[in-house]
Amino acid sequence: MTSETTPLPRVTETSRIAISFELALMDGEIIETADSKDPMIFTIGDGNLLPNIEELLIGLELGTQGKFTLSPERAFGLKQSENVQTMNVSDFPSSIELQEGLVIGFQTPTGDEIPGTVLTINDDKVEVDFNHPLAGATLLFTAKIEDILD
């Protein structure tokens, strides 16, 4: 007598899924999480996760947990020196108290907003880093497929 088992559903390139996850730096600092009680629900390819992270989820079965290490090149890229700009203090509104480490939203010519991190302030010049805050970081991504909704 044989028993037939139905294979578990798998994540596909168009699946709408619910995942619990933790995104952390290699030193253990947690960047973002979603637990099983309040999972992240999204459709593969909708831009909610990096494409390289979504690739890791495709093919996983319902209930599978995976732990992945993402090099900077597969995560938010390497830091690019051309993304560090020197600006005049007068370019900033007087209502902003400039300090090193401050993250400020800047409008692009297309109307998008990008973050810039103040690196240094010297007299009337401010050095701003427009690299993604996680550029250059190796990340640890742990995820569990909580549900495959379609």
N, C-alpha and C. Protein backbone atom coordinates (compact mmCIF):
# COMPACT_ATOMS: atom_id res chain seq x y z
N MET A 1 0.85 -1.17 0.00
CA MET A 1 0.00 0.00 0.00
C MET A 1 0.90 1.24 0.00
N THR A 2 0.65 2.11 -0.91
CA THR A 2 1.43 3.34 -0.99
C THR A 2 0.55 4.52 -0.61
N SER A 3 1.17 5.50 -0.01
CA SER A 3 0.41 6.71 0.30
C SER A 3 0.93 7.83 -0.59
N GLU A 4 0.01 8.53 -1.17
CA GLU A 4 0.40 9.65 -2.03
C GLU A 4 0.37 10.93 -1.20
N THR A 5 1.40 11.72 -1.38
CA THR A 5 1.42 13.00 -0.70
C THR A 5 1.37 14.10 -1.74
N THR A 6 0.66 15.14 -1.40
CA THR A 6 0.57 16.28 -2.28
C THR A 6 1.79 17.15 -2.03
N PRO A 7 2.51 17.53 -3.09
CA PRO A 7 3.68 18.37 -2.86
C PRO A 7 3.26 19.73 -2.31
N LEU A 8 4.11 20.28 -1.48
CA LEU A 8 3.84 21.61 -0.94
C LEU A 8 3.95 22.65 -2.04
N PRO A 9 3.14 23.71 -1.95
CA PRO A 9 3.26 24.77 -2.95
C PRO A 9 4.64 25.42 -2.86
N ARG A 10 5.11 25.90 -4.01
CA ARG A 10 6.41 26.56 -4.09
C ARG A 10 6.23 28.00 -4.55
N VAL A 11 7.16 28.86 -4.14
CA VAL A 11 7.17 30.25 -4.57
C VAL A 11 7.58 30.28 -6.04
N THR A 12 6.81 31.02 -6.86
CA THR A 12 7.13 31.19 -8.27
C THR A 12 7.48 32.66 -8.54
N GLU A 13 7.82 32.95 -9.77
CA GLU A 13 8.20 34.31 -10.18
C GLU A 13 7.05 35.31 -10.08
N THR A 14 5.82 34.82 -9.88
CA THR A 14 4.66 35.72 -9.79
C THR A 14 3.85 35.51 -8.52
N SER A 15 4.38 34.75 -7.57
CA SER A 15 3.63 34.45 -6.34
C SER A 15 3.41 35.67 -5.47
N ARG A 16 2.26 35.67 -4.82
CA ARG A 16 1.99 36.62 -3.74
C ARG A 16 2.21 35.81 -2.47
N ILE A 17 3.16 36.28 -1.63
CA ILE A 17 3.56 35.48 -0.48
C ILE A 17 3.57 36.29 0.81
N ALA A 18 3.57 35.57 1.91
CA ALA A 18 3.74 36.16 3.24
C ALA A 18 5.00 35.54 3.83
N ILE A 19 5.93 36.41 4.27
CA ILE A 19 7.16 35.90 4.88
C ILE A 19 7.41 36.58 6.22
N SER A 20 7.98 35.82 7.12
CA SER A 20 8.60 36.42 8.30
C SER A 20 10.07 36.50 7.95
N PHE A 21 10.75 37.54 8.41
CA PHE A 21 12.15 37.68 8.03
C PHE A 21 12.91 38.56 9.01
N GLU A 22 14.23 38.46 8.89
CA GLU A 22 15.13 39.36 9.60
C GLU A 22 16.25 39.73 8.64
N LEU A 23 16.51 41.02 8.53
CA LEU A 23 17.62 41.52 7.72
C LEU A 23 18.58 42.16 8.71
N ALA A 24 19.83 41.66 8.70
CA ALA A 24 20.80 42.13 9.69
C ALA A 24 22.17 42.33 9.06
N LEU A 25 22.95 43.17 9.73
CA LEU A 25 24.35 43.32 9.36
C LEU A 25 25.12 42.13 9.93
N MET A 26 26.33 41.91 9.46
CA MET A 26 27.11 40.77 9.91
C MET A 26 27.47 40.86 11.40
N ASP A 27 27.48 42.07 11.96
CA ASP A 27 27.78 42.22 13.39
C ASP A 27 26.55 41.94 14.26
N GLY A 28 25.42 41.58 13.63
CA GLY A 28 24.21 41.24 14.36
C GLY A 28 23.20 42.37 14.48
N GLU A 29 23.58 43.59 14.08
CA GLU A 29 22.63 44.71 14.14
C GLU A 29 21.47 44.44 13.19
N ILE A 30 20.26 44.46 13.74
CA ILE A 30 19.06 44.16 12.95
C ILE A 30 18.60 45.43 12.23
N ILE A 31 18.41 45.31 10.93
CA ILE A 31 17.99 46.43 10.09
C ILE A 31 16.46 46.47 9.98
N GLU A 32 15.86 45.30 9.75
CA GLU A 32 14.40 45.25 9.57
C GLU A 32 13.93 43.83 9.86
N THR A 33 12.70 43.73 10.39
CA THR A 33 12.13 42.41 10.68
C THR A 33 10.63 42.41 10.40
N ALA A 34 10.12 41.23 10.24
CA ALA A 34 8.67 40.99 10.22
C ALA A 34 8.49 39.61 10.83
N ASP A 35 7.61 39.51 11.85
CA ASP A 35 7.47 38.20 12.50
C ASP A 35 6.29 37.44 11.91
N SER A 36 6.12 36.21 12.38
CA SER A 36 5.08 35.35 11.82
C SER A 36 3.67 35.85 12.14
N LYS A 37 3.53 36.64 13.21
CA LYS A 37 2.21 37.18 13.56
C LYS A 37 1.82 38.35 12.65
N ASP A 38 2.81 39.03 12.12
CA ASP A 38 2.57 40.16 11.23
C ASP A 38 3.57 40.09 10.07
N PRO A 39 3.42 39.09 9.21
CA PRO A 39 4.40 38.88 8.14
C PRO A 39 4.31 39.96 7.06
N MET A 40 5.38 40.05 6.30
CA MET A 40 5.39 40.94 5.14
C MET A 40 4.68 40.21 4.00
N ILE A 41 3.70 40.86 3.41
CA ILE A 41 2.95 40.28 2.29
C ILE A 41 3.27 41.10 1.05
N PHE A 42 3.69 40.42 0.00
CA PHE A 42 4.04 41.11 -1.24
C PHE A 42 3.99 40.11 -2.40
N THR A 43 4.07 40.66 -3.59
CA THR A 43 4.13 39.85 -4.81
C THR A 43 5.55 39.91 -5.35
N ILE A 44 6.08 38.76 -5.69
CA ILE A 44 7.42 38.70 -6.27
C ILE A 44 7.45 39.64 -7.48
N GLY A 45 8.45 40.50 -7.53
CA GLY A 45 8.61 41.42 -8.65
C GLY A 45 7.96 42.78 -8.46
N ASP A 46 7.29 43.01 -7.32
CA ASP A 46 6.61 44.30 -7.14
C ASP A 46 7.51 45.41 -6.59
N GLY A 47 8.77 45.10 -6.34
CA GLY A 47 9.72 46.12 -5.90
C GLY A 47 9.83 46.28 -4.39
N ASN A 48 9.10 45.48 -3.63
CA ASN A 48 9.19 45.58 -2.17
C ASN A 48 10.50 45.03 -1.61
N LEU A 49 11.08 44.08 -2.32
CA LEU A 49 12.37 43.51 -1.93
C LEU A 49 13.35 43.65 -3.08
N LEU A 50 14.62 43.63 -2.74
CA LEU A 50 15.64 43.65 -3.79
C LEU A 50 15.46 42.43 -4.70
N PRO A 51 15.64 42.59 -6.00
CA PRO A 51 15.50 41.44 -6.90
C PRO A 51 16.38 40.26 -6.51
N ASN A 52 17.59 40.52 -6.01
CA ASN A 52 18.47 39.42 -5.62
C ASN A 52 17.94 38.67 -4.41
N ILE A 53 17.21 39.34 -3.54
CA ILE A 53 16.59 38.64 -2.41
C ILE A 53 15.40 37.83 -2.89
N GLU A 54 14.60 38.41 -3.78
CA GLU A 54 13.46 37.67 -4.33
C GLU A 54 13.92 36.40 -5.03
N GLU A 55 15.02 36.47 -5.77
CA GLU A 55 15.57 35.30 -6.46
C GLU A 55 15.81 34.15 -5.50
N LEU A 56 16.27 34.48 -4.29
CA LEU A 56 16.56 33.45 -3.29
C LEU A 56 15.29 32.76 -2.81
N LEU A 57 14.17 33.46 -2.86
CA LEU A 57 12.90 32.90 -2.37
C LEU A 57 12.21 32.02 -3.41
N ILE A 58 12.44 32.29 -4.69
CA ILE A 58 11.78 31.53 -5.75
C ILE A 58 12.20 30.07 -5.68
N GLY A 59 11.21 29.20 -5.68
CA GLY A 59 11.46 27.77 -5.61
C GLY A 59 11.34 27.19 -4.22
N LEU A 60 11.30 28.05 -3.19
CA LEU A 60 11.17 27.54 -1.82
C LEU A 60 9.74 27.07 -1.59
N GLU A 61 9.61 26.00 -0.80
CA GLU A 61 8.30 25.46 -0.47
C GLU A 61 7.70 26.20 0.73
N LEU A 62 6.39 26.15 0.82
CA LEU A 62 5.65 26.67 1.96
C LEU A 62 6.26 26.10 3.24
N GLY A 63 6.55 26.98 4.21
CA GLY A 63 7.10 26.55 5.48
C GLY A 63 8.62 26.49 5.53
N THR A 64 9.27 26.63 4.39
CA THR A 64 10.73 26.58 4.34
C THR A 64 11.33 27.82 4.97
N GLN A 65 12.41 27.61 5.74
CA GLN A 65 13.17 28.73 6.28
C GLN A 65 14.55 28.69 5.65
N GLY A 66 15.03 29.85 5.23
CA GLY A 66 16.36 29.95 4.63
C GLY A 66 17.16 31.06 5.26
N LYS A 67 18.47 30.88 5.27
CA LYS A 67 19.38 31.90 5.80
C LYS A 67 20.40 32.16 4.70
N PHE A 68 20.50 33.42 4.27
CA PHE A 68 21.31 33.79 3.12
C PHE A 68 22.25 34.94 3.47
N THR A 69 23.46 34.86 2.98
CA THR A 69 24.41 35.96 3.13
C THR A 69 24.49 36.68 1.80
N LEU A 70 24.30 38.00 1.83
CA LEU A 70 24.33 38.81 0.62
C LEU A 70 25.55 39.72 0.65
N SER A 71 26.42 39.55 -0.33
CA SER A 71 27.57 40.43 -0.46
C SER A 71 27.07 41.83 -0.84
N PRO A 72 27.88 42.86 -0.63
CA PRO A 72 27.44 44.20 -1.02
C PRO A 72 26.98 44.28 -2.47
N GLU A 73 27.67 43.57 -3.35
CA GLU A 73 27.31 43.60 -4.77
C GLU A 73 25.92 43.03 -5.02
N ARG A 74 25.49 42.07 -4.20
CA ARG A 74 24.17 41.46 -4.36
C ARG A 74 23.10 42.15 -3.52
N ALA A 75 23.52 43.07 -2.64
CA ALA A 75 22.57 43.77 -1.77
C ALA A 75 22.40 45.21 -2.28
N PHE A 76 23.04 46.17 -1.64
CA PHE A 76 22.85 47.58 -2.00
C PHE A 76 24.05 48.18 -2.72
N GLY A 77 24.95 47.33 -3.19
CA GLY A 77 26.09 47.79 -3.97
C GLY A 77 27.24 48.26 -3.12
N LEU A 78 28.34 48.54 -3.79
CA LEU A 78 29.52 49.08 -3.15
C LEU A 78 29.37 50.59 -3.04
N LYS A 79 30.06 51.17 -2.09
CA LYS A 79 30.07 52.63 -1.99
C LYS A 79 30.78 53.21 -3.21
N GLN A 80 30.20 54.23 -3.80
CA GLN A 80 30.76 54.90 -4.96
C GLN A 80 31.23 56.29 -4.54
N SER A 81 32.51 56.57 -4.75
CA SER A 81 33.06 57.86 -4.31
C SER A 81 32.38 59.04 -5.01
N GLU A 82 31.90 58.83 -6.23
CA GLU A 82 31.23 59.93 -6.95
C GLU A 82 29.87 60.28 -6.34
N ASN A 83 29.38 59.43 -5.43
CA ASN A 83 28.12 59.73 -4.74
C ASN A 83 28.31 60.56 -3.48
N VAL A 84 29.55 60.97 -3.20
CA VAL A 84 29.83 61.87 -2.09
C VAL A 84 30.04 63.26 -2.69
N GLN A 85 29.21 64.21 -2.29
CA GLN A 85 29.21 65.55 -2.86
C GLN A 85 29.50 66.60 -1.78
N THR A 86 30.18 67.65 -2.18
CA THR A 86 30.41 68.79 -1.29
C THR A 86 29.42 69.89 -1.66
N MET A 87 28.72 70.39 -0.66
CA MET A 87 27.70 71.41 -0.88
C MET A 87 27.99 72.60 0.04
N ASN A 88 27.42 73.73 -0.27
CA ASN A 88 27.54 74.91 0.57
C ASN A 88 26.53 74.83 1.71
N VAL A 89 26.92 75.29 2.88
CA VAL A 89 25.99 75.35 4.01
C VAL A 89 24.76 76.16 3.61
N SER A 90 24.94 77.19 2.79
CA SER A 90 23.82 78.04 2.37
C SER A 90 22.81 77.30 1.49
N ASP A 91 23.17 76.10 0.98
CA ASP A 91 22.24 75.30 0.19
C ASP A 91 21.16 74.64 1.05
N PHE A 92 21.36 74.65 2.36
CA PHE A 92 20.43 73.98 3.27
C PHE A 92 19.53 75.01 3.94
N PRO A 93 18.27 74.66 4.17
CA PRO A 93 17.37 75.59 4.87
C PRO A 93 17.91 75.89 6.27
N SER A 94 17.72 77.10 6.73
CA SER A 94 18.21 77.49 8.05
C SER A 94 17.51 76.72 9.17
N SER A 95 16.36 76.12 8.85
CA SER A 95 15.61 75.36 9.86
C SER A 95 16.25 74.00 10.17
N ILE A 96 17.20 73.58 9.33
CA ILE A 96 17.88 72.29 9.55
C ILE A 96 19.14 72.53 10.36
N GLU A 97 19.25 71.85 11.49
CA GLU A 97 20.46 71.92 12.30
C GLU A 97 21.42 70.85 11.78
N LEU A 98 22.39 71.28 10.99
CA LEU A 98 23.32 70.33 10.38
C LEU A 98 24.23 69.71 11.43
N GLN A 99 24.35 68.39 11.34
CA GLN A 99 25.28 67.67 12.21
C GLN A 99 25.71 66.39 11.50
N GLU A 100 26.91 65.94 11.80
CA GLU A 100 27.42 64.72 11.18
C GLU A 100 26.51 63.55 11.51
N GLY A 101 26.23 62.73 10.50
CA GLY A 101 25.36 61.57 10.66
C GLY A 101 23.90 61.85 10.35
N LEU A 102 23.53 63.12 10.23
CA LEU A 102 22.15 63.48 9.92
C LEU A 102 21.79 63.00 8.51
N VAL A 103 20.65 62.33 8.39
CA VAL A 103 20.16 61.89 7.08
C VAL A 103 19.08 62.86 6.65
N ILE A 104 19.24 63.40 5.46
CA ILE A 104 18.33 64.41 4.92
C ILE A 104 17.76 63.89 3.60
N GLY A 105 16.48 64.13 3.36
CA GLY A 105 15.87 63.78 2.08
C GLY A 105 16.09 64.91 1.08
N PHE A 106 16.63 64.58 -0.08
CA PHE A 106 16.88 65.56 -1.15
C PHE A 106 16.00 65.22 -2.34
N GLN A 107 15.45 66.24 -2.97
CA GLN A 107 14.63 66.06 -4.17
C GLN A 107 15.53 65.96 -5.39
N THR A 108 15.28 64.97 -6.24
CA THR A 108 16.00 64.86 -7.50
C THR A 108 15.28 65.70 -8.55
N PRO A 109 15.91 65.96 -9.69
CA PRO A 109 15.23 66.72 -10.76
C PRO A 109 13.94 66.06 -11.24
N THR A 110 13.82 64.72 -11.05
CA THR A 110 12.62 64.02 -11.49
C THR A 110 11.53 64.01 -10.42
N GLY A 111 11.81 64.63 -9.25
CA GLY A 111 10.82 64.69 -8.19
C GLY A 111 10.92 63.58 -7.16
N ASP A 112 11.82 62.62 -7.39
CA ASP A 112 12.02 61.56 -6.41
C ASP A 112 12.79 62.12 -5.22
N GLU A 113 12.70 61.43 -4.10
CA GLU A 113 13.48 61.84 -2.94
C GLU A 113 14.53 60.78 -2.66
N ILE A 114 15.77 61.22 -2.44
CA ILE A 114 16.85 60.30 -2.10
C ILE A 114 17.49 60.77 -0.79
N PRO A 115 17.93 59.80 0.03
CA PRO A 115 18.57 60.20 1.28
C PRO A 115 20.03 60.56 1.08
N GLY A 116 20.47 61.54 1.83
CA GLY A 116 21.88 61.91 1.86
C GLY A 116 22.31 62.00 3.31
N THR A 117 23.47 61.46 3.63
CA THR A 117 23.99 61.47 4.99
C THR A 117 25.10 62.50 5.11
N VAL A 118 24.97 63.42 6.07
CA VAL A 118 26.01 64.42 6.31
C VAL A 118 27.24 63.72 6.89
N LEU A 119 28.36 63.82 6.18
CA LEU A 119 29.60 63.20 6.65
C LEU A 119 30.43 64.17 7.47
N THR A 120 30.65 65.37 6.90
CA THR A 120 31.47 66.37 7.60
C THR A 120 30.90 67.76 7.36
N ILE A 121 31.20 68.65 8.30
CA ILE A 121 30.84 70.07 8.17
C ILE A 121 32.10 70.85 8.47
N ASN A 122 32.58 71.61 7.49
CA ASN A 122 33.78 72.43 7.65
C ASN A 122 33.47 73.84 7.18
N ASP A 123 33.43 74.76 8.13
CA ASP A 123 33.15 76.17 7.83
C ASP A 123 31.87 76.30 7.04
N ASP A 124 31.98 76.62 5.74
CA ASP A 124 30.77 76.83 4.93
C ASP A 124 30.51 75.67 3.97
N LYS A 125 31.20 74.53 4.15
CA LYS A 125 31.04 73.37 3.27
C LYS A 125 30.50 72.16 4.04
N VAL A 126 29.66 71.40 3.36
CA VAL A 126 29.08 70.19 3.94
C VAL A 126 29.32 69.05 2.96
N GLU A 127 29.90 67.96 3.45
CA GLU A 127 30.12 66.78 2.62
C GLU A 127 28.95 65.82 2.88
N VAL A 128 28.25 65.45 1.79
CA VAL A 128 27.05 64.61 1.88
C VAL A 128 27.26 63.34 1.06
N ASP A 129 26.94 62.21 1.70
CA ASP A 129 27.07 60.90 1.06
C ASP A 129 25.69 60.47 0.55
N PHE A 130 25.57 60.34 -0.79
CA PHE A 130 24.31 59.93 -1.40
C PHE A 130 24.27 58.43 -1.71
N ASN A 131 25.27 57.68 -1.27
CA ASN A 131 25.20 56.23 -1.38
C ASN A 131 24.07 55.72 -0.50
N HIS A 132 23.49 54.59 -0.85
CA HIS A 132 22.49 53.99 0.02
C HIS A 132 23.13 53.75 1.38
N PRO A 133 22.40 53.98 2.47
CA PRO A 133 23.00 53.78 3.79
C PRO A 133 23.59 52.38 4.01
N LEU A 134 23.09 51.38 3.28
CA LEU A 134 23.61 50.02 3.44
C LEU A 134 24.61 49.65 2.34
N ALA A 135 24.99 50.61 1.49
CA ALA A 135 26.00 50.34 0.46
C ALA A 135 27.30 49.92 1.14
N GLY A 136 27.91 48.89 0.60
CA GLY A 136 29.17 48.39 1.14
C GLY A 136 29.00 47.37 2.24
N ALA A 137 27.77 47.13 2.67
CA ALA A 137 27.54 46.20 3.78
C ALA A 137 27.20 44.80 3.28
N THR A 138 27.74 43.80 3.96
CA THR A 138 27.33 42.41 3.76
C THR A 138 26.15 42.18 4.69
N LEU A 139 25.09 41.61 4.16
CA LEU A 139 23.85 41.44 4.93
C LEU A 139 23.51 39.97 5.12
N LEU A 140 22.86 39.68 6.22
CA LEU A 140 22.36 38.35 6.51
C LEU A 140 20.84 38.42 6.46
N PHE A 141 20.24 37.63 5.57
CA PHE A 141 18.79 37.63 5.37
C PHE A 141 18.26 36.26 5.75
N THR A 142 17.40 36.22 6.77
CA THR A 142 16.77 34.98 7.20
C THR A 142 15.28 35.14 6.95
N ALA A 143 14.67 34.17 6.28
CA ALA A 143 13.25 34.28 5.94
C ALA A 143 12.57 32.93 6.04
N LYS A 144 11.29 32.97 6.36
CA LYS A 144 10.45 31.78 6.36
C LYS A 144 9.23 32.06 5.51
N ILE A 145 8.90 31.14 4.61
CA ILE A 145 7.70 31.26 3.78
C ILE A 145 6.52 30.88 4.64
N GLU A 146 5.78 31.88 5.10
CA GLU A 146 4.63 31.66 5.99
C GLU A 146 3.39 31.25 5.22
N ASP A 147 3.21 31.82 4.02
CA ASP A 147 2.03 31.50 3.22
C ASP A 147 2.30 31.84 1.77
N ILE A 148 1.70 31.09 0.89
CA ILE A 148 1.72 31.39 -0.55
C ILE A 148 0.27 31.63 -0.90
N LEU A 149 -0.03 32.89 -1.18
CA LEU A 149 -1.43 33.32 -1.31
C LEU A 149 -2.01 33.07 -2.69
N ASP A 150 -1.19 33.03 -3.70
CA ASP A 150 -1.64 32.67 -5.06
C ASP A 150 -0.48 32.40 -5.95
